[in-house]
Structure formats: C-alpha cells, structure tokens
Amino acid sequence: MDTVTEDKEGCYLNRSVKFFYEASGKNISDYWRKRDYVIVTLGMTVCFIVIFSNLLVIVAILKNRRFHFPIYYLLGNLALADLFS
C-alpha cells in the first residue's frame, strides 16, 4: 500500500485521477463502450469540419483580391482566433 501525501490544505500530491474517482464513488471503466466510440467519432468529425472551414475562409481571403476589405479581414481574424482556441 502506497502512502498518501497530504499537505496542510488537504491537497493530495502524486495521486492519479483514478484515485479521485474511486474516492468520489464514480466508476472508471478500463474499456470503451460503443457509446464512447460514437461520441469521440462525432466530436472528432465536428472538430475536423470546423478546422477545415476556418482554413478555407482564411485561404479565400488571402487569395481573392475582392476580399481585401476591412470586413473580410475581421472575418479572417475571427477564423484565425477560432483556430487558436
């Protein structure tokens, strides 16, 4: 049994997330269910679509001279900020 290091404020050091889930009564599964795969797949798909569409907006503004107006620079700035977040 490993020792638990606790400081004055009650913070446990060198403990894993699994320790805190067990202490709270929640269960962590070592395997993924079908629902977990579906959620991760949908989330990754949405992320790739958002990244691709933001890149398309930025490239369109840079390549097309008709989009070299302040409103389009604002739109490109928003797309770039969305990529960074």
C-alpha atoms as a PDB file:
ATOM      1  CA  MET A   1       0.000   0.000   0.000  1.00  0.00           C
ATOM      2  CA  ASP A   2       1.491   3.303  -1.021  1.00  0.00           C
ATOM      3  CA  THR A   3       1.442   6.242   1.315  1.00  0.00           C
ATOM      4  CA  VAL A   4      -0.743   9.271   0.728  1.00  0.00           C
ATOM      5  CA  THR A   5       0.985  12.619   0.903  1.00  0.00           C
ATOM      6  CA  GLU A   6      -1.348  15.310   2.171  1.00  0.00           C
ATOM      7  CA  ASP A   7      -0.324  18.897   2.799  1.00  0.00           C
ATOM      8  CA  LYS A   8      -1.917  21.418   5.192  1.00  0.00           C
ATOM      9  CA  GLU A   9      -4.715  22.456   2.834  1.00  0.00           C
ATOM     10  CA  GLY A  10      -5.862  18.872   2.237  1.00  0.00           C
ATOM     11  CA  CYS A  11      -4.356  18.526  -1.237  1.00  0.00           C
ATOM     12  CA  TYR A  12      -3.263  15.024  -2.207  1.00  0.00           C
ATOM     13  CA  LEU A  13       0.027  15.015  -4.069  1.00  0.00           C
ATOM     14  CA  ASN A  14       1.233  12.365  -6.520  1.00  0.00           C
ATOM     15  CA  ARG A  15      -2.211  10.818  -6.930  1.00  0.00           C
ATOM     16  CA  SER A  16      -3.822   9.772 -10.179  1.00  0.00           C
ATOM     17  CA  VAL A  17      -7.228  10.785 -11.487  1.00  0.00           C
ATOM     18  CA  LYS A  18      -8.404   7.237 -10.839  1.00  0.00           C
ATOM     19  CA  PHE A  19      -7.772   7.741  -7.107  1.00  0.00           C
ATOM     20  CA  PHE A  20     -10.115  10.733  -7.003  1.00  0.00           C
ATOM     21  CA  TYR A  21     -12.825   8.950  -8.998  1.00  0.00           C
ATOM     22  CA  GLU A  22     -12.651   5.999  -6.606  1.00  0.00           C
ATOM     23  CA  ALA A  23     -12.788   8.365  -3.626  1.00  0.00           C
ATOM     24  CA  SER A  24     -15.907  10.032  -5.047  1.00  0.00           C
ATOM     25  CA  GLY A  25     -17.648   6.724  -5.701  1.00  0.00           C
ATOM     26  CA  LYS A  26     -17.599   7.029  -9.504  1.00  0.00           C
ATOM     27  CA  ASN A  27     -16.522   4.121 -11.657  1.00  0.00           C
ATOM     28  CA  ILE A  28     -13.823   4.342 -14.331  1.00  0.00           C
ATOM     29  CA  SER A  29     -14.020   1.638 -16.948  1.00  0.00           C
ATOM     30  CA  ASP A  30     -10.880   0.136 -18.466  1.00  0.00           C
ATOM     31  CA  TYR A  31     -12.695  -0.489 -21.760  1.00  0.00           C
ATOM     32  CA  TRP A  32     -14.672   1.702 -24.117  1.00  0.00           C
ATOM     33  CA  ARG A  33     -18.323   1.071 -24.805  1.00  0.00           C
ATOM     34  CA  LYS A  34     -19.938   1.605 -28.185  1.00  0.00           C
ATOM     35  CA  ARG A  35     -21.406   4.901 -26.971  1.00  0.00           C
ATOM     36  CA  ASP A  36     -17.909   6.179 -26.135  1.00  0.00           C
ATOM     37  CA  TYR A  37     -16.679   5.421 -29.660  1.00  0.00           C
ATOM     38  CA  VAL A  38     -19.701   7.180 -31.171  1.00  0.00           C
ATOM     39  CA  ILE A  39     -19.214  10.301 -29.033  1.00  0.00           C
ATOM     40  CA  VAL A  40     -15.493  10.527 -29.800  1.00  0.00           C
ATOM     41  CA  THR A  41     -16.088   9.927 -33.517  1.00  0.00           C
ATOM     42  CA  LEU A  42     -18.753  12.637 -33.709  1.00  0.00           C
ATOM     43  CA  GLY A  43     -16.604  15.066 -31.743  1.00  0.00           C
ATOM     44  CA  MET A  44     -13.562  14.471 -33.950  1.00  0.00           C
ATOM     45  CA  THR A  45     -15.682  14.848 -37.090  1.00  0.00           C
ATOM     46  CA  VAL A  46     -17.059  18.196 -35.920  1.00  0.00           C
ATOM     47  CA  CYS A  47     -13.552  19.377 -34.979  1.00  0.00           C
ATOM     48  CA  PHE A  48     -12.145  18.491 -38.405  1.00  0.00           C
ATOM     49  CA  ILE A  49     -15.031  20.226 -40.175  1.00  0.00           C
ATOM     50  CA  VAL A  50     -14.544  23.394 -38.096  1.00  0.00           C
ATOM     51  CA  ILE A  51     -10.781  23.423 -38.693  1.00  0.00           C
ATOM     52  CA  PHE A  52     -11.192  22.811 -42.431  1.00  0.00           C
ATOM     53  CA  SER A  53     -13.851  25.503 -42.837  1.00  0.00           C
ATOM     54  CA  ASN A  54     -11.789  28.082 -40.927  1.00  0.00           C
ATOM     55  CA  LEU A  55      -8.782  27.308 -43.100  1.00  0.00           C
ATOM     56  CA  LEU A  56     -10.932  27.720 -46.219  1.00  0.00           C
ATOM     57  CA  VAL A  57     -12.082  31.152 -45.036  1.00  0.00           C
ATOM     58  CA  ILE A  58      -8.505  32.272 -44.361  1.00  0.00           C
ATOM     59  CA  VAL A  59      -7.213  30.982 -47.704  1.00  0.00           C
ATOM     60  CA  ALA A  60     -10.110  32.582 -49.602  1.00  0.00           C
ATOM     61  CA  ILE A  61      -9.407  35.957 -48.016  1.00  0.00           C
ATOM     62  CA  LEU A  62      -5.687  35.731 -48.754  1.00  0.00           C
ATOM     63  CA  LYS A  63      -6.050  34.542 -52.366  1.00  0.00           C
ATOM     64  CA  ASN A  64      -9.013  36.578 -53.600  1.00  0.00           C
ATOM     65  CA  ARG A  65      -8.361  40.299 -54.031  1.00  0.00           C
ATOM     66  CA  ARG A  66     -12.088  41.082 -53.837  1.00  0.00           C
ATOM     67  CA  PHE A  67     -11.937  40.072 -50.168  1.00  0.00           C
ATOM     68  CA  HIS A  68      -9.256  42.619 -49.265  1.00  0.00           C
ATOM     69  CA  PHE A  69     -11.607  44.910 -47.363  1.00  0.00           C
ATOM     70  CA  PRO A  70     -11.766  45.550 -43.608  1.00  0.00           C
ATOM     71  CA  ILE A  71     -14.891  43.437 -43.049  1.00  0.00           C
ATOM     72  CA  TYR A  72     -13.208  40.407 -44.590  1.00  0.00           C
ATOM     73  CA  TYR A  73     -10.077  40.974 -42.521  1.00  0.00           C
ATOM     74  CA  LEU A  74     -12.327  40.912 -39.467  1.00  0.00           C
ATOM     75  CA  LEU A  75     -13.866  37.665 -40.684  1.00  0.00           C
ATOM     76  CA  GLY A  76     -10.391  36.209 -41.264  1.00  0.00           C
ATOM     77  CA  ASN A  77      -9.315  37.351 -37.825  1.00  0.00           C
ATOM     78  CA  LEU A  78     -12.306  35.559 -36.289  1.00  0.00           C
ATOM     79  CA  ALA A  79     -11.495  32.394 -38.243  1.00  0.00           C
ATOM     80  CA  LEU A  80      -7.880  32.545 -37.086  1.00  0.00           C
ATOM     81  CA  ALA A  81      -8.931  33.127 -33.476  1.00  0.00           C
ATOM     82  CA  ASP A  82     -11.243  30.129 -33.746  1.00  0.00           C
ATOM     83  CA  LEU A  83      -8.302  28.009 -34.905  1.00  0.00           C
ATOM     84  CA  PHE A  84      -6.233  29.101 -31.914  1.00  0.00           C
ATOM     85  CA  SER A  85      -8.954  28.276 -29.398  1.00  0.00           C
END
